[in-house]
């Protein structure tokens, strides 16, 4: 499942984040394995510990993510890492990879990856977020600024080289209350259906039954 939600951040906020962060000193992107990073990763990063304004904007983006009703209904988040910010320019790229199983301090399990795009696609050439599914399906994503994209972190993915301009994004990871993707997707479908019935027909008997099913599935599957 790919969750795409436009306007999670207002464009003016995205513009302000980019402007303020560009006044700071970006550093080379890293991973836990420096040798591996040198081979597959060439981008710039800012993390919360680098500067108070980075931490401030990280918390702002995280709040926008975790309070979004659509994301909550589909991802069922329990915990999330404070976002970090990435910049790709001058041929910067990130080769195909799968994300680490655990990240952050304290650590969270990385069930889902989240990218919030901070500038528009016509501002840079390349920079597509590319997902490669075991079925052979390949998805390339390059949306408008302020758009959130959430996808399973176990999918191989990469960012194509940015050959002109600069690509800015906030990235983070979510630990869902539902570990198994098929269970999470099923529960998200039940939640979406109950919400549609409530919107069209009000709180009727069918809605009540669906909410009961939803809660029973949560009791069976949820992890805290």
C-alpha atoms as a PDB file:
ATOM      1  CA  UNK A   1       0.000   0.000   0.000  1.00  0.00           C
ATOM      2  CA  UNK A   2       1.163   3.521  -0.817  1.00  0.00           C
ATOM      3  CA  UNK A   3      -0.554   6.325   1.082  1.00  0.00           C
ATOM      4  CA  UNK A   4      -0.382   9.673  -0.750  1.00  0.00           C
ATOM      5  CA  UNK A   5      -1.882  12.692   1.005  1.00  0.00           C
ATOM      6  CA  UNK A   6      -1.589  16.168  -0.593  1.00  0.00           C
ATOM      7  CA  UNK A   7      -1.225  19.341   1.480  1.00  0.00           C
ATOM      8  CA  UNK A   8      -0.197  17.720   4.754  1.00  0.00           C
ATOM      9  CA  UNK A   9       1.968  20.825   5.067  1.00  0.00           C
ATOM     10  CA  UNK A  10       0.774  24.187   3.699  1.00  0.00           C
ATOM     11  CA  UNK A  11       2.987  25.408   0.857  1.00  0.00           C
ATOM     12  CA  UNK A  12       3.955  28.517   2.831  1.00  0.00           C
ATOM     13  CA  UNK A  13       5.221  26.356   5.710  1.00  0.00           C
ATOM     14  CA  UNK A  14       7.165  24.109   3.334  1.00  0.00           C
ATOM     15  CA  UNK A  15       8.761  27.202   1.747  1.00  0.00           C
ATOM     16  CA  UNK A  16       9.700  28.590   5.158  1.00  0.00           C
ATOM     17  CA  UNK A  17      11.284  25.317   6.244  1.00  0.00           C
ATOM     18  CA  UNK A  18      13.426  25.176   3.100  1.00  0.00           C
ATOM     19  CA  UNK A  19      14.476  28.820   3.419  1.00  0.00           C
ATOM     20  CA  UNK A  20      15.429  28.533   7.085  1.00  0.00           C
ATOM     21  CA  UNK A  21      17.232  25.204   6.751  1.00  0.00           C
ATOM     22  CA  UNK A  22      19.249  26.480   3.797  1.00  0.00           C
ATOM     23  CA  UNK A  23      20.811  29.048   6.121  1.00  0.00           C
ATOM     24  CA  UNK A  24      22.363  26.154   8.067  1.00  0.00           C
ATOM     25  CA  UNK A  25      25.334  23.953   7.273  1.00  0.00           C
ATOM     26  CA  UNK A  26      24.143  20.673   5.772  1.00  0.00           C
ATOM     27  CA  UNK A  27      26.308  17.587   6.233  1.00  0.00           C
ATOM     28  CA  UNK A  28      26.849  14.504   4.145  1.00  0.00           C
ATOM     29  CA  UNK A  29      24.193  11.812   4.555  1.00  0.00           C
ATOM     30  CA  UNK A  30      25.213   8.839   6.633  1.00  0.00           C
ATOM     31  CA  UNK A  31      24.146   5.366   7.709  1.00  0.00           C
ATOM     32  CA  UNK A  32      25.259   3.068  10.525  1.00  0.00           C
ATOM     33  CA  UNK A  33      27.720   1.483   8.056  1.00  0.00           C
ATOM     34  CA  UNK A  34      29.985   4.257   6.726  1.00  0.00           C
ATOM     35  CA  UNK A  35      31.541   2.036   4.038  1.00  0.00           C
ATOM     36  CA  UNK A  36      28.099   1.079   2.754  1.00  0.00           C
ATOM     37  CA  UNK A  37      26.937   4.706   2.804  1.00  0.00           C
ATOM     38  CA  UNK A  38      29.893   5.780   0.666  1.00  0.00           C
ATOM     39  CA  UNK A  39      28.825   3.327  -2.022  1.00  0.00           C
ATOM     40  CA  UNK A  40      25.074   3.903  -2.172  1.00  0.00           C
ATOM     41  CA  UNK A  41      24.261   7.300  -0.703  1.00  0.00           C
ATOM     42  CA  UNK A  42      25.159  10.825  -1.767  1.00  0.00           C
ATOM     43  CA  UNK A  43      22.908  13.440  -0.259  1.00  0.00           C
ATOM     44  CA  UNK A  44      22.901  16.089   2.465  1.00  0.00           C
ATOM     45  CA  UNK A  45      21.106  15.822   5.802  1.00  0.00           C
ATOM     46  CA  UNK A  46      20.033  17.771   8.859  1.00  0.00           C
ATOM     47  CA  UNK A  47      18.890  16.023  12.043  1.00  0.00           C
ATOM     48  CA  UNK A  48      17.309  17.312  15.229  1.00  0.00           C
ATOM     49  CA  UNK A  49      20.594  17.248  17.147  1.00  0.00           C
ATOM     50  CA  UNK A  50      22.285  19.459  14.546  1.00  0.00           C
ATOM     51  CA  UNK A  51      20.465  22.699  15.415  1.00  0.00           C
ATOM     52  CA  UNK A  52      17.465  23.800  17.521  1.00  0.00           C
ATOM     53  CA  UNK A  53      15.614  25.054  14.417  1.00  0.00           C
ATOM     54  CA  UNK A  54      15.942  21.604  12.847  1.00  0.00           C
ATOM     55  CA  UNK A  55      14.429  20.068  15.975  1.00  0.00           C
ATOM     56  CA  UNK A  56      11.654  22.689  15.930  1.00  0.00           C
ATOM     57  CA  UNK A  57      10.735  21.963  12.329  1.00  0.00           C
ATOM     58  CA  UNK A  58      11.054  18.230  12.890  1.00  0.00           C
ATOM     59  CA  UNK A  59       8.454  18.407  15.651  1.00  0.00           C
ATOM     60  CA  UNK A  60       6.201  20.593  13.487  1.00  0.00           C
ATOM     61  CA  UNK A  61       6.309  18.102  10.610  1.00  0.00           C
ATOM     62  CA  UNK A  62       5.785  15.167  12.971  1.00  0.00           C
ATOM     63  CA  UNK A  63       2.693  16.804  14.455  1.00  0.00           C
ATOM     64  CA  UNK A  64       1.297  17.402  10.956  1.00  0.00           C
ATOM     65  CA  UNK A  65       1.873  13.731  10.128  1.00  0.00           C
ATOM     66  CA  UNK A  66       0.458  12.194  13.297  1.00  0.00           C
ATOM     67  CA  UNK A  67      -2.621  14.426  13.474  1.00  0.00           C
ATOM     68  CA  UNK A  68      -3.651  13.751   9.881  1.00  0.00           C
ATOM     69  CA  UNK A  69      -6.898  11.767  10.044  1.00  0.00           C
ATOM     70  CA  UNK A  70      -6.348   9.919   6.764  1.00  0.00           C
ATOM     71  CA  UNK A  71      -2.878   8.778   7.757  1.00  0.00           C
ATOM     72  CA  UNK A  72      -4.075   7.705  11.202  1.00  0.00           C
ATOM     73  CA  UNK A  73      -6.854   5.619   9.678  1.00  0.00           C
ATOM     74  CA  UNK A  74      -4.515   3.852   7.242  1.00  0.00           C
ATOM     75  CA  UNK A  75      -1.154   3.617   9.005  1.00  0.00           C
ATOM     76  CA  UNK A  76      -2.508   3.243  12.564  1.00  0.00           C
ATOM     77  CA  UNK A  77       0.605   4.849  14.063  1.00  0.00           C
ATOM     78  CA  UNK A  78       1.826   4.060  17.555  1.00  0.00           C
ATOM     79  CA  UNK A  79       5.234   5.741  17.549  1.00  0.00           C
ATOM     80  CA  UNK A  80       7.298   7.760  15.084  1.00  0.00           C
ATOM     81  CA  UNK A  81      10.834   9.066  14.813  1.00  0.00           C
ATOM     82  CA  UNK A  82      11.408  12.833  14.778  1.00  0.00           C
ATOM     83  CA  UNK A  83      11.800  13.639  11.065  1.00  0.00           C
ATOM     84  CA  UNK A  84      15.144  14.488   9.538  1.00  0.00           C
ATOM     85  CA  UNK A  85      15.609  16.634   6.451  1.00  0.00           C
ATOM     86  CA  UNK A  86      17.297  15.609   3.211  1.00  0.00           C
ATOM     87  CA  UNK A  87      18.682  17.628   0.324  1.00  0.00           C
ATOM     88  CA  UNK A  88      19.629  16.135  -3.044  1.00  0.00           C
ATOM     89  CA  UNK A  89      21.563  18.316  -5.493  1.00  0.00           C
ATOM     90  CA  UNK A  90      24.592  18.234  -7.845  1.00  0.00           C
ATOM     91  CA  UNK A  91      23.902  14.639  -8.911  1.00  0.00           C
ATOM     92  CA  UNK A  92      22.942  13.484  -5.418  1.00  0.00           C
ATOM     93  CA  UNK A  93      21.217  10.105  -5.185  1.00  0.00           C
ATOM     94  CA  UNK A  94      20.389   7.173  -2.916  1.00  0.00           C
ATOM     95  CA  UNK A  95      20.795   3.760  -4.545  1.00  0.00           C
ATOM     96  CA  UNK A  96      18.307   0.907  -4.016  1.00  0.00           C
ATOM     97  CA  UNK A  97      18.092  -0.185  -0.397  1.00  0.00           C
ATOM     98  CA  UNK A  98      15.784  -1.411   2.335  1.00  0.00           C
ATOM     99  CA  UNK A  99      15.480   0.556   5.564  1.00  0.00           C
ATOM    100  CA  UNK A 100      16.908  -0.577   8.895  1.00  0.00           C
ATOM    101  CA  UNK A 101      14.502  -2.547  11.070  1.00  0.00           C
ATOM    102  CA  UNK A 102      14.879  -0.158  14.023  1.00  0.00           C
ATOM    103  CA  UNK A 103      15.732   3.549  14.209  1.00  0.00           C
ATOM    104  CA  UNK A 104      15.774   6.444  16.622  1.00  0.00           C
ATOM    105  CA  UNK A 105      16.529   6.910  20.310  1.00  0.00           C
ATOM    106  CA  UNK A 106      14.572   5.320  21.888  1.00  0.00           C
ATOM    107  CA  UNK A 107      14.325   2.853  19.017  1.00  0.00           C
ATOM    108  CA  UNK A 108      11.127   2.221  17.115  1.00  0.00           C
ATOM    109  CA  UNK A 109      10.319  -0.588  14.695  1.00  0.00           C
ATOM    110  CA  UNK A 110      10.207   0.880  11.188  1.00  0.00           C
ATOM    111  CA  UNK A 111       6.980  -0.609   9.802  1.00  0.00           C
ATOM    112  CA  UNK A 112       6.339   2.341   7.474  1.00  0.00           C
ATOM    113  CA  UNK A 113       8.508   5.008   5.857  1.00  0.00           C
ATOM    114  CA  UNK A 114       7.236   8.542   5.336  1.00  0.00           C
ATOM    115  CA  UNK A 115       8.483  11.263   2.994  1.00  0.00           C
ATOM    116  CA  UNK A 116       7.029  14.775   3.055  1.00  0.00           C
ATOM    117  CA  UNK A 117       8.112  16.650  -0.075  1.00  0.00           C
ATOM    118  CA  UNK A 118       9.122  20.254   0.607  1.00  0.00           C
ATOM    119  CA  UNK A 119       9.471  21.710  -2.891  1.00  0.00           C
ATOM    120  CA  UNK A 120       7.742  21.301  -6.234  1.00  0.00           C
ATOM    121  CA  UNK A 121       8.852  18.796  -8.898  1.00  0.00           C
ATOM    122  CA  UNK A 122       9.527  21.497 -11.494  1.00  0.00           C
ATOM    123  CA  UNK A 123      12.285  22.876  -9.248  1.00  0.00           C
ATOM    124  CA  UNK A 124      14.606  19.912  -9.872  1.00  0.00           C
ATOM    125  CA  UNK A 125      15.417  17.305 -12.507  1.00  0.00           C
ATOM    126  CA  UNK A 126      15.427  13.678 -11.367  1.00  0.00           C
ATOM    127  CA  UNK A 127      14.901  12.913  -7.670  1.00  0.00           C
ATOM    128  CA  UNK A 128      12.054  10.424  -8.150  1.00  0.00           C
ATOM    129  CA  UNK A 129      11.310   8.254  -5.123  1.00  0.00           C
ATOM    130  CA  UNK A 130      11.236   4.823  -6.754  1.00  0.00           C
ATOM    131  CA  UNK A 131       9.642   1.766  -5.113  1.00  0.00           C
ATOM    132  CA  UNK A 132      10.401  -1.744  -6.369  1.00  0.00           C
ATOM    133  CA  UNK A 133       7.892  -4.401  -5.345  1.00  0.00           C
ATOM    134  CA  UNK A 134       8.613  -8.174  -5.290  1.00  0.00           C
ATOM    135  CA  UNK A 135       5.916  -8.583  -7.959  1.00  0.00           C
ATOM    136  CA  UNK A 136       8.092  -6.609 -10.360  1.00  0.00           C
ATOM    137  CA  UNK A 137       5.954  -3.479 -10.153  1.00  0.00           C
ATOM    138  CA  UNK A 138       7.958  -0.242 -10.042  1.00  0.00           C
ATOM    139  CA  UNK A 139       6.418   3.026  -8.849  1.00  0.00           C
ATOM    140  CA  UNK A 140       8.055   6.425  -9.317  1.00  0.00           C
ATOM    141  CA  UNK A 141       6.808   9.260  -7.142  1.00  0.00           C
ATOM    142  CA  UNK A 142       7.495  12.988  -7.496  1.00  0.00           C
ATOM    143  CA  UNK A 143       4.558  14.980  -6.096  1.00  0.00           C
ATOM    144  CA  UNK A 144       3.849  18.608  -5.274  1.00  0.00           C
ATOM    145  CA  UNK A 145       5.334  20.267  -2.209  1.00  0.00           C
ATOM    146  CA  UNK A 146       3.511  19.576   1.038  1.00  0.00           C
ATOM    147  CA  UNK A 147       2.549  16.054  -0.094  1.00  0.00           C
ATOM    148  CA  UNK A 148       3.047  13.092   2.235  1.00  0.00           C
ATOM    149  CA  UNK A 149       3.942   9.672   0.847  1.00  0.00           C
ATOM    150  CA  UNK A 150       3.881   6.675   3.189  1.00  0.00           C
ATOM    151  CA  UNK A 151       4.953   3.182   2.122  1.00  0.00           C
ATOM    152  CA  UNK A 152       6.129  -0.117   3.675  1.00  0.00           C
ATOM    153  CA  UNK A 153       9.772   0.218   4.675  1.00  0.00           C
ATOM    154  CA  UNK A 154      10.558  -3.351   3.615  1.00  0.00           C
ATOM    155  CA  UNK A 155      10.133  -2.450  -0.075  1.00  0.00           C
ATOM    156  CA  UNK A 156      13.383  -1.856  -1.950  1.00  0.00           C
ATOM    157  CA  UNK A 157      13.510   1.796  -2.941  1.00  0.00           C
ATOM    158  CA  UNK A 158      15.865   4.477  -4.208  1.00  0.00           C
ATOM    159  CA  UNK A 159      16.051   8.167  -5.124  1.00  0.00           C
ATOM    160  CA  UNK A 160      17.209   8.845  -8.684  1.00  0.00           C
ATOM    161  CA  UNK A 161      20.057  11.357  -9.217  1.00  0.00           C
ATOM    162  CA  UNK A 162      19.120  15.033  -9.086  1.00  0.00           C
ATOM    163  CA  UNK A 163      20.938  16.479 -12.083  1.00  0.00           C
ATOM    164  CA  UNK A 164      19.630  20.049 -11.843  1.00  0.00           C
ATOM    165  CA  UNK A 165      18.173  22.111  -9.015  1.00  0.00           C
ATOM    166  CA  UNK A 166      17.658  20.720  -5.516  1.00  0.00           C
ATOM    167  CA  UNK A 167      15.139  18.326  -3.958  1.00  0.00           C
ATOM    168  CA  UNK A 168      14.133  18.863  -0.309  1.00  0.00           C
ATOM    169  CA  UNK A 169      12.163  16.470   1.887  1.00  0.00           C
ATOM    170  CA  UNK A 170      11.449  15.511   5.477  1.00  0.00           C
ATOM    171  CA  UNK A 171      11.650  11.802   6.168  1.00  0.00           C
ATOM    172  CA  UNK A 172      10.640   9.647   9.111  1.00  0.00           C
ATOM    173  CA  UNK A 173       9.457   6.187  10.080  1.00  0.00           C
ATOM    174  CA  UNK A 174       6.359   4.919  11.860  1.00  0.00           C
ATOM    175  CA  UNK A 175       5.833   1.966  14.158  1.00  0.00           C
ATOM    176  CA  UNK A 176       2.223   0.938  13.661  1.00  0.00           C
ATOM    177  CA  UNK A 177       0.068  -0.586  16.372  1.00  0.00           C
ATOM    178  CA  UNK A 178      -0.542  -3.351  13.806  1.00  0.00           C
ATOM    179  CA  UNK A 179       2.731  -5.080  12.866  1.00  0.00           C
ATOM    180  CA  UNK A 180       1.494  -7.342  10.033  1.00  0.00           C
ATOM    181  CA  UNK A 181       0.823  -5.412   6.782  1.00  0.00           C
ATOM    182  CA  UNK A 182      -2.117  -7.605   5.691  1.00  0.00           C
ATOM    183  CA  UNK A 183      -3.823  -7.100   9.054  1.00  0.00           C
ATOM    184  CA  UNK A 184      -3.127  -3.364   8.953  1.00  0.00           C
ATOM    185  CA  UNK A 185      -4.546  -3.067   5.433  1.00  0.00           C
ATOM    186  CA  UNK A 186      -7.666  -5.036   6.363  1.00  0.00           C
ATOM    187  CA  UNK A 187      -8.296  -2.925   9.433  1.00  0.00           C
ATOM    188  CA  UNK A 188      -7.738   0.254   7.428  1.00  0.00           C
ATOM    189  CA  UNK A 189     -10.388  -0.933   4.940  1.00  0.00           C
ATOM    190  CA  UNK A 190     -12.884  -1.517   7.772  1.00  0.00           C
ATOM    191  CA  UNK A 191     -12.176   1.942   9.192  1.00  0.00           C
ATOM    192  CA  UNK A 192     -12.578   3.578   5.768  1.00  0.00           C
ATOM    193  CA  UNK A 193     -15.864   1.757   5.145  1.00  0.00           C
ATOM    194  CA  UNK A 194     -17.295   2.727   8.535  1.00  0.00           C
ATOM    195  CA  UNK A 195     -16.290   6.353   7.923  1.00  0.00           C
ATOM    196  CA  UNK A 196     -18.025   6.356   4.523  1.00  0.00           C
ATOM    197  CA  UNK A 197     -21.209   4.919   6.003  1.00  0.00           C
ATOM    198  CA  UNK A 198     -21.172   7.482   8.812  1.00  0.00           C
ATOM    199  CA  UNK A 199     -20.683  10.316   6.282  1.00  0.00           C
ATOM    200  CA  UNK A 200     -23.526   9.190   4.006  1.00  0.00           C
ATOM    201  CA  UNK A 201     -26.031   7.508   6.352  1.00  0.00           C
ATOM    202  CA  UNK A 202     -25.112   8.698   9.813  1.00  0.00           C
ATOM    203  CA  UNK A 203     -24.597   6.561  12.896  1.00  0.00           C
ATOM    204  CA  UNK A 204     -26.884   3.691  11.936  1.00  0.00           C
ATOM    205  CA  UNK A 205     -26.892  -0.011  12.816  1.00  0.00           C
ATOM    206  CA  UNK A 206     -24.421  -0.950  10.079  1.00  0.00           C
ATOM    207  CA  UNK A 207     -21.993   1.696  11.280  1.00  0.00           C
ATOM    208  CA  UNK A 208     -22.272   0.423  14.858  1.00  0.00           C
ATOM    209  CA  UNK A 209     -21.602  -3.153  13.739  1.00  0.00           C
ATOM    210  CA  UNK A 210     -18.551  -2.110  11.737  1.00  0.00           C
ATOM    211  CA  UNK A 211     -17.115  -0.151  14.666  1.00  0.00           C
ATOM    212  CA  UNK A 212     -17.618  -3.236  16.826  1.00  0.00           C
ATOM    213  CA  UNK A 213     -15.697  -5.346  14.298  1.00  0.00           C
ATOM    214  CA  UNK A 214     -12.999  -2.670  14.126  1.00  0.00           C
ATOM    215  CA  UNK A 215     -12.541  -2.691  17.896  1.00  0.00           C
ATOM    216  CA  UNK A 216     -12.489  -6.481  18.075  1.00  0.00           C
ATOM    217  CA  UNK A 217      -9.778  -6.630  15.401  1.00  0.00           C
ATOM    218  CA  UNK A 218      -7.775  -4.065  17.328  1.00  0.00           C
ATOM    219  CA  UNK A 219      -8.030  -6.182  20.483  1.00  0.00           C
ATOM    220  CA  UNK A 220      -6.789  -9.218  18.570  1.00  0.00           C
ATOM    221  CA  UNK A 221      -3.912  -7.612  16.670  1.00  0.00           C
ATOM    222  CA  UNK A 222      -2.729  -4.399  18.342  1.00  0.00           C
ATOM    223  CA  UNK A 223       0.739  -4.211  19.930  1.00  0.00           C
ATOM    224  CA  UNK A 224       1.900  -1.548  22.376  1.00  0.00           C
END
